[in-house]
Amino acid sequence: MEALYLLVPLSIALVFGALWVFFKASDDGQFEDLEGPALRILQDDDAPSAGTKPR
């Protein structure tokens, strides 16, 4: 029973800490562009640049 006096406030503090981190990341724009990096990796970059010679 004595363990609950420690574990309940610790779990409540952990939940509020996780919510604070989530909302801080949301305010900083962490979740703004979820599709950009996923689609960027699929783009074809095989075209040579203007300064390089084709082999």
PDB file of N, CA and C in Angstrom:
ATOM      1  N   MET A   1       0.813  -1.197   0.000  1.00  0.00           N
ATOM      2  CA  MET A   1       0.000   0.000   0.000  1.00  0.00           C
ATOM      3  C   MET A   1       0.860   1.266   0.000  1.00  0.00           C
ATOM      4  N   GLU A   2       1.993   1.202   0.674  1.00  0.00           N
ATOM      5  CA  GLU A   2       2.855   2.382   0.741  1.00  0.00           C
ATOM      6  C   GLU A   2       3.469   2.702  -0.615  1.00  0.00           C
ATOM      7  N   ALA A   3       3.602   1.678  -1.446  1.00  0.00           N
ATOM      8  CA  ALA A   3       4.183   1.906  -2.770  1.00  0.00           C
ATOM      9  C   ALA A   3       3.277   2.785  -3.631  1.00  0.00           C
ATOM     10  N   LEU A   4       1.975   2.717  -3.386  1.00  0.00           N
ATOM     11  CA  LEU A   4       1.049   3.541  -4.165  1.00  0.00           C
ATOM     12  C   LEU A   4       1.251   5.023  -3.903  1.00  0.00           C
ATOM     13  N   TYR A   5       1.678   5.380  -2.708  1.00  0.00           N
ATOM     14  CA  TYR A   5       1.937   6.789  -2.390  1.00  0.00           C
ATOM     15  C   TYR A   5       3.080   7.348  -3.227  1.00  0.00           C
ATOM     16  N   LEU A   6       3.945   6.492  -3.698  1.00  0.00           N
ATOM     17  CA  LEU A   6       5.045   6.916  -4.567  1.00  0.00           C
ATOM     18  C   LEU A   6       4.679   6.746  -6.043  1.00  0.00           C
ATOM     19  N   LEU A   7       4.048   5.628  -6.387  1.00  0.00           N
ATOM     20  CA  LEU A   7       3.818   5.309  -7.792  1.00  0.00           C
ATOM     21  C   LEU A   7       2.728   6.157  -8.433  1.00  0.00           C
ATOM     22  N   VAL A   8       1.678   6.501  -7.716  1.00  0.00           N
ATOM     23  CA  VAL A   8       0.602   7.300  -8.309  1.00  0.00           C
ATOM     24  C   VAL A   8       1.092   8.703  -8.668  1.00  0.00           C
ATOM     25  N   PRO A   9       1.749   9.438  -7.755  1.00  0.00           N
ATOM     26  CA  PRO A   9       2.259  10.748  -8.175  1.00  0.00           C
ATOM     27  C   PRO A   9       3.327  10.662  -9.268  1.00  0.00           C
ATOM     28  N   LEU A  10       4.149   9.614  -9.224  1.00  0.00           N
ATOM     29  CA  LEU A  10       5.156   9.440 -10.277  1.00  0.00           C
ATOM     30  C   LEU A  10       4.502   9.202 -11.635  1.00  0.00           C
ATOM     31  N   SER A  11       3.464   8.397 -11.681  1.00  0.00           N
ATOM     32  CA  SER A  11       2.800   8.133 -12.956  1.00  0.00           C
ATOM     33  C   SER A  11       2.072   9.379 -13.466  1.00  0.00           C
ATOM     34  N   ILE A  12       1.485  10.152 -12.562  1.00  0.00           N
ATOM     35  CA  ILE A  12       0.824  11.388 -12.977  1.00  0.00           C
ATOM     36  C   ILE A  12       1.860  12.378 -13.516  1.00  0.00           C
ATOM     37  N   ALA A  13       3.003  12.473 -12.850  1.00  0.00           N
ATOM     38  CA  ALA A  13       4.063  13.363 -13.322  1.00  0.00           C
ATOM     39  C   ALA A  13       4.594  12.897 -14.681  1.00  0.00           C
ATOM     40  N   LEU A  14       4.694  11.602 -14.879  1.00  0.00           N
ATOM     41  CA  LEU A  14       5.163  11.063 -16.152  1.00  0.00           C
ATOM     42  C   LEU A  14       4.189  11.386 -17.283  1.00  0.00           C
ATOM     43  N   VAL A  15       2.900  11.283 -17.017  1.00  0.00           N
ATOM     44  CA  VAL A  15       1.895  11.604 -18.035  1.00  0.00           C
ATOM     45  C   VAL A  15       1.954  13.088 -18.387  1.00  0.00           C
ATOM     46  N   PHE A  16       2.037  13.955 -17.374  1.00  0.00           N
ATOM     47  CA  PHE A  16       2.117  15.385 -17.658  1.00  0.00           C
ATOM     48  C   PHE A  16       3.418  15.734 -18.380  1.00  0.00           C
ATOM     49  N   GLY A  17       4.502  15.052 -18.050  1.00  0.00           N
ATOM     50  CA  GLY A  17       5.765  15.276 -18.753  1.00  0.00           C
ATOM     51  C   GLY A  17       5.679  14.871 -20.213  1.00  0.00           C
ATOM     52  N   ALA A  18       5.049  13.742 -20.487  1.00  0.00           N
ATOM     53  CA  ALA A  18       4.894  13.290 -21.872  1.00  0.00           C
ATOM     54  C   ALA A  18       3.986  14.239 -22.656  1.00  0.00           C
ATOM     55  N   LEU A  19       2.923  14.711 -22.028  1.00  0.00           N
ATOM     56  CA  LEU A  19       2.043  15.677 -22.696  1.00  0.00           C
ATOM     57  C   LEU A  19       2.770  16.985 -22.970  1.00  0.00           C
ATOM     58  N   TRP A  20       3.598  17.423 -22.044  1.00  0.00           N
ATOM     59  CA  TRP A  20       4.359  18.663 -22.237  1.00  0.00           C
ATOM     60  C   TRP A  20       5.318  18.523 -23.415  1.00  0.00           C
ATOM     61  N   VAL A  21       6.015  17.382 -23.493  1.00  0.00           N
ATOM     62  CA  VAL A  21       6.946  17.153 -24.605  1.00  0.00           C
ATOM     63  C   VAL A  21       6.186  17.113 -25.931  1.00  0.00           C
ATOM     64  N   PHE A  22       5.034  16.451 -25.953  1.00  0.00           N
ATOM     65  CA  PHE A  22       4.252  16.374 -27.190  1.00  0.00           C
ATOM     66  C   PHE A  22       3.794  17.757 -27.638  1.00  0.00           C
ATOM     67  N   PHE A  23       3.235  18.549 -26.735  1.00  0.00           N
ATOM     68  CA  PHE A  23       2.736  19.866 -27.120  1.00  0.00           C
ATOM     69  C   PHE A  23       3.873  20.823 -27.452  1.00  0.00           C
ATOM     70  N   LYS A  24       5.014  20.674 -26.811  1.00  0.00           N
ATOM     71  CA  LYS A  24       6.171  21.504 -27.145  1.00  0.00           C
ATOM     72  C   LYS A  24       6.647  21.187 -28.563  1.00  0.00           C
ATOM     73  N   ALA A  25       6.716  19.910 -28.908  1.00  0.00           N
ATOM     74  CA  ALA A  25       7.108  19.514 -30.261  1.00  0.00           C
ATOM     75  C   ALA A  25       6.079  19.977 -31.282  1.00  0.00           C
ATOM     76  N   SER A  26       4.821  19.933 -30.919  1.00  0.00           N
ATOM     77  CA  SER A  26       3.773  20.382 -31.822  1.00  0.00           C
ATOM     78  C   SER A  26       3.856  21.889 -32.054  1.00  0.00           C
ATOM     79  N   ASP A  27       4.128  22.649 -31.019  1.00  0.00           N
ATOM     80  CA  ASP A  27       4.260  24.100 -31.158  1.00  0.00           C
ATOM     81  C   ASP A  27       5.498  24.492 -31.955  1.00  0.00           C
ATOM     82  N   ASP A  28       6.558  23.694 -31.878  1.00  0.00           N
ATOM     83  CA  ASP A  28       7.796  23.987 -32.606  1.00  0.00           C
ATOM     84  C   ASP A  28       7.727  23.586 -34.067  1.00  0.00           C
ATOM     85  N   GLY A  29       6.623  22.964 -34.506  1.00  0.00           N
ATOM     86  CA  GLY A  29       6.457  22.605 -35.911  1.00  0.00           C
ATOM     87  C   GLY A  29       7.025  21.248 -36.266  1.00  0.00           C
ATOM     88  N   GLN A  30       7.182  20.380 -35.314  1.00  0.00           N
ATOM     89  CA  GLN A  30       7.755  19.065 -35.560  1.00  0.00           C
ATOM     90  C   GLN A  30       6.867  18.226 -36.484  1.00  0.00           C
ATOM     91  N   PHE A  31       5.563  18.410 -36.411  1.00  0.00           N
ATOM     92  CA  PHE A  31       4.628  17.568 -37.154  1.00  0.00           C
ATOM     93  C   PHE A  31       4.005  18.298 -38.336  1.00  0.00           C
ATOM     94  N   GLU A  32       4.650  19.334 -38.839  1.00  0.00           N
ATOM     95  CA  GLU A  32       4.066  20.137 -39.909  1.00  0.00           C
ATOM     96  C   GLU A  32       4.045  19.402 -41.249  1.00  0.00           C
ATOM     97  N   ASP A  33       5.165  18.841 -41.668  1.00  0.00           N
ATOM     98  CA  ASP A  33       5.263  18.223 -42.989  1.00  0.00           C
ATOM     99  C   ASP A  33       5.624  16.751 -42.823  1.00  0.00           C
ATOM    100  N   LEU A  34       4.610  15.915 -42.722  1.00  0.00           N
ATOM    101  CA  LEU A  34       4.854  14.483 -42.540  1.00  0.00           C
ATOM    102  C   LEU A  34       5.043  13.758 -43.868  1.00  0.00           C
ATOM    103  N   GLU A  35       4.544  14.328 -44.964  1.00  0.00           N
ATOM    104  CA  GLU A  35       4.624  13.642 -46.251  1.00  0.00           C
ATOM    105  C   GLU A  35       5.845  14.036 -47.056  1.00  0.00           C
ATOM    106  N   GLY A  36       6.425  15.197 -46.812  1.00  0.00           N
ATOM    107  CA  GLY A  36       7.546  15.679 -47.610  1.00  0.00           C
ATOM    108  C   GLY A  36       8.751  14.762 -47.606  1.00  0.00           C
ATOM    109  N   PRO A  37       9.320  14.423 -46.446  1.00  0.00           N
ATOM    110  CA  PRO A  37      10.487  13.553 -46.438  1.00  0.00           C
ATOM    111  C   PRO A  37      10.191  12.150 -46.968  1.00  0.00           C
ATOM    112  N   ALA A  38       8.978  11.661 -46.758  1.00  0.00           N
ATOM    113  CA  ALA A  38       8.630  10.327 -47.245  1.00  0.00           C
ATOM    114  C   ALA A  38       8.555  10.297 -48.764  1.00  0.00           C
ATOM    115  N   LEU A  39       8.079  11.378 -49.357  1.00  0.00           N
ATOM    116  CA  LEU A  39       7.982  11.415 -50.816  1.00  0.00           C
ATOM    117  C   LEU A  39       9.297  11.826 -51.465  1.00  0.00           C
ATOM    118  N   ARG A  40      10.104  12.594 -50.750  1.00  0.00           N
ATOM    119  CA  ARG A  40      11.374  13.064 -51.296  1.00  0.00           C
ATOM    120  C   ARG A  40      12.324  11.899 -51.574  1.00  0.00           C
ATOM    121  N   ILE A  41      12.269  10.865 -50.758  1.00  0.00           N
ATOM    122  CA  ILE A  41      13.172   9.727 -50.954  1.00  0.00           C
ATOM    123  C   ILE A  41      12.810   8.946 -52.216  1.00  0.00           C
ATOM    124  N   LEU A  42      11.562   9.075 -52.674  1.00  0.00           N
ATOM    125  CA  LEU A  42      11.125   8.340 -53.856  1.00  0.00           C
ATOM    126  C   LEU A  42      11.416   9.073 -55.160  1.00  0.00           C
ATOM    127  N   GLN A  43      11.816  10.327 -55.100  1.00  0.00           N
ATOM    128  CA  GLN A  43      12.092  11.091 -56.317  1.00  0.00           C
ATOM    129  C   GLN A  43      13.355  10.566 -56.990  1.00  0.00           C
ATOM    130  N   ASP A  44      13.338  10.591 -58.300  1.00  0.00           N
ATOM    131  CA  ASP A  44      14.453  10.086 -59.087  1.00  0.00           C
ATOM    132  C   ASP A  44      15.516  11.172 -59.229  1.00  0.00           C
ATOM    133  N   ASP A  45      16.704  10.923 -58.728  1.00  0.00           N
ATOM    134  CA  ASP A  45      17.800  11.888 -58.797  1.00  0.00           C
ATOM    135  C   ASP A  45      18.906  11.418 -59.732  1.00  0.00           C
ATOM    136  N   ASP A  46      18.560  10.675 -60.772  1.00  0.00           N
ATOM    137  CA  ASP A  46      19.553  10.142 -61.686  1.00  0.00           C
ATOM    138  C   ASP A  46      20.029  11.151 -62.721  1.00  0.00           C
ATOM    139  N   ALA A  47      19.343  12.248 -62.861  1.00  0.00           N
ATOM    140  CA  ALA A  47      19.749  13.255 -63.847  1.00  0.00           C
ATOM    141  C   ALA A  47      21.038  13.910 -63.392  1.00  0.00           C
ATOM    142  N   PRO A  48      22.047  14.041 -64.273  1.00  0.00           N
ATOM    143  CA  PRO A  48      23.308  14.642 -63.861  1.00  0.00           C
ATOM    144  C   PRO A  48      23.163  16.136 -63.612  1.00  0.00           C
ATOM    145  N   SER A  49      23.981  16.656 -62.742  1.00  0.00           N
ATOM    146  CA  SER A  49      23.966  18.102 -62.468  1.00  0.00           C
ATOM    147  C   SER A  49      24.594  18.850 -63.633  1.00  0.00           C
ATOM    148  N   ALA A  50      24.485  20.154 -63.635  1.00  0.00           N
ATOM    149  CA  ALA A  50      25.024  20.957 -64.722  1.00  0.00           C
ATOM    150  C   ALA A  50      26.545  20.943 -64.725  1.00  0.00           C
ATOM    151  N   GLY A  51      27.194  20.782 -63.572  1.00  0.00           N
ATOM    152  CA  GLY A  51      28.641  20.843 -63.502  1.00  0.00           C
ATOM    153  C   GLY A  51      29.358  19.504 -63.645  1.00  0.00           C
ATOM    154  N   THR A  52      28.641  18.408 -63.791  1.00  0.00           N
ATOM    155  CA  THR A  52      29.295  17.090 -63.884  1.00  0.00           C
ATOM    156  C   THR A  52      29.215  16.565 -65.305  1.00  0.00           C
ATOM    157  N   LYS A  53      30.180  15.738 -65.670  1.00  0.00           N
ATOM    158  CA  LYS A  53      30.224  15.139 -66.992  1.00  0.00           C
ATOM    159  C   LYS A  53      29.591  13.734 -66.918  1.00  0.00           C
ATOM    160  N   PRO A  54      28.801  13.361 -67.912  1.00  0.00           N
ATOM    161  CA  PRO A  54      28.255  11.998 -67.938  1.00  0.00           C
ATOM    162  C   PRO A  54      29.363  11.002 -68.263  1.00  0.00           C
ATOM    163  N   ARG A  55      29.254   9.808 -67.749  1.00  0.00           N
ATOM    164  CA  ARG A  55      30.283   8.773 -67.991  1.00  0.00           C
ATOM    165  C   ARG A  55      30.004   7.999 -69.229  1.00  0.00           C
TER     166      ARG A  55
END
